[in-house]
């Protein structure tokens, strides 16, 4: 398992486990908050890149 897969697994287990979301937007917000939280805990700066193509 590579580092990205491992972080994804930890995010699911530690930040999102057992939660129900009303919409995809709510899920996306919780994923972002979880990534920011994990970054802060690890002392890393978290930056997001918009990959949406026009």
C-alpha atoms as a PDB file:
ATOM      1  CA  UNK A   1       0.000   0.000   0.000  1.00  0.00           C
ATOM      2  CA  UNK A   2       1.452   3.373  -0.995  1.00  0.00           C
ATOM      3  CA  UNK A   3       1.434   6.498   1.206  1.00  0.00           C
ATOM      4  CA  UNK A   4      -1.621   8.045  -0.485  1.00  0.00           C
ATOM      5  CA  UNK A   5      -3.664   4.866  -0.035  1.00  0.00           C
ATOM      6  CA  UNK A   6      -2.561   4.616   3.586  1.00  0.00           C
ATOM      7  CA  UNK A   7      -3.579   8.231   4.305  1.00  0.00           C
ATOM      8  CA  UNK A   8      -6.923   7.632   2.571  1.00  0.00           C
ATOM      9  CA  UNK A   9      -7.519   4.579   4.740  1.00  0.00           C
ATOM     10  CA  UNK A  10      -6.681   6.560   7.916  1.00  0.00           C
ATOM     11  CA  UNK A  11      -8.956   9.418   6.827  1.00  0.00           C
ATOM     12  CA  UNK A  12     -11.867   7.020   6.385  1.00  0.00           C
ATOM     13  CA  UNK A  13     -11.216   5.240   9.678  1.00  0.00           C
ATOM     14  CA  UNK A  14     -10.304   8.215  11.887  1.00  0.00           C
ATOM     15  CA  UNK A  15     -12.345  11.111  10.489  1.00  0.00           C
ATOM     16  CA  UNK A  16     -15.368   9.732   8.614  1.00  0.00           C
ATOM     17  CA  UNK A  17     -16.206   6.383  10.232  1.00  0.00           C
ATOM     18  CA  UNK A  18     -19.813   5.886  11.291  1.00  0.00           C
ATOM     19  CA  UNK A  19     -21.094   9.173   9.899  1.00  0.00           C
ATOM     20  CA  UNK A  20     -24.044   9.647   7.553  1.00  0.00           C
ATOM     21  CA  UNK A  21     -24.120  12.577   5.142  1.00  0.00           C
ATOM     22  CA  UNK A  22     -27.153  14.290   3.648  1.00  0.00           C
ATOM     23  CA  UNK A  23     -25.441  15.183   0.377  1.00  0.00           C
ATOM     24  CA  UNK A  24     -22.247  14.811  -1.629  1.00  0.00           C
ATOM     25  CA  UNK A  25     -21.433  18.418  -0.741  1.00  0.00           C
ATOM     26  CA  UNK A  26     -21.608  17.638   2.984  1.00  0.00           C
ATOM     27  CA  UNK A  27     -19.384  14.586   2.469  1.00  0.00           C
ATOM     28  CA  UNK A  28     -16.891  16.723   0.523  1.00  0.00           C
ATOM     29  CA  UNK A  29     -16.777  19.285   3.344  1.00  0.00           C
ATOM     30  CA  UNK A  30     -16.067  16.578   5.903  1.00  0.00           C
ATOM     31  CA  UNK A  31     -13.330  15.097   3.717  1.00  0.00           C
ATOM     32  CA  UNK A  32     -11.698  18.539   3.440  1.00  0.00           C
ATOM     33  CA  UNK A  33     -11.952  19.117   7.196  1.00  0.00           C
ATOM     34  CA  UNK A  34     -10.501  15.653   7.809  1.00  0.00           C
ATOM     35  CA  UNK A  35      -7.571  16.318   5.482  1.00  0.00           C
ATOM     36  CA  UNK A  36      -6.895  19.652   7.180  1.00  0.00           C
ATOM     37  CA  UNK A  37      -7.077  18.017  10.614  1.00  0.00           C
ATOM     38  CA  UNK A  38      -4.660  15.236   9.639  1.00  0.00           C
ATOM     39  CA  UNK A  39      -2.298  17.811   8.137  1.00  0.00           C
ATOM     40  CA  UNK A  40      -2.285  19.870  11.323  1.00  0.00           C
ATOM     41  CA  UNK A  41      -1.685  16.784  13.460  1.00  0.00           C
ATOM     42  CA  UNK A  42       1.283  15.840  11.291  1.00  0.00           C
ATOM     43  CA  UNK A  43       2.659  19.378  11.129  1.00  0.00           C
ATOM     44  CA  UNK A  44       2.070  19.636   7.375  1.00  0.00           C
ATOM     45  CA  UNK A  45       0.673  22.462   5.291  1.00  0.00           C
ATOM     46  CA  UNK A  46      -2.376  21.330   3.320  1.00  0.00           C
ATOM     47  CA  UNK A  47      -3.031  22.862  -0.088  1.00  0.00           C
ATOM     48  CA  UNK A  48      -5.831  21.968  -2.469  1.00  0.00           C
ATOM     49  CA  UNK A  49      -5.608  21.931  -6.239  1.00  0.00           C
ATOM     50  CA  UNK A  50      -8.677  22.337  -8.423  1.00  0.00           C
ATOM     51  CA  UNK A  51      -8.551  19.503 -10.959  1.00  0.00           C
ATOM     52  CA  UNK A  52     -11.907  20.317 -12.528  1.00  0.00           C
ATOM     53  CA  UNK A  53     -11.456  20.858 -16.254  1.00  0.00           C
ATOM     54  CA  UNK A  54     -13.479  23.488 -18.083  1.00  0.00           C
END
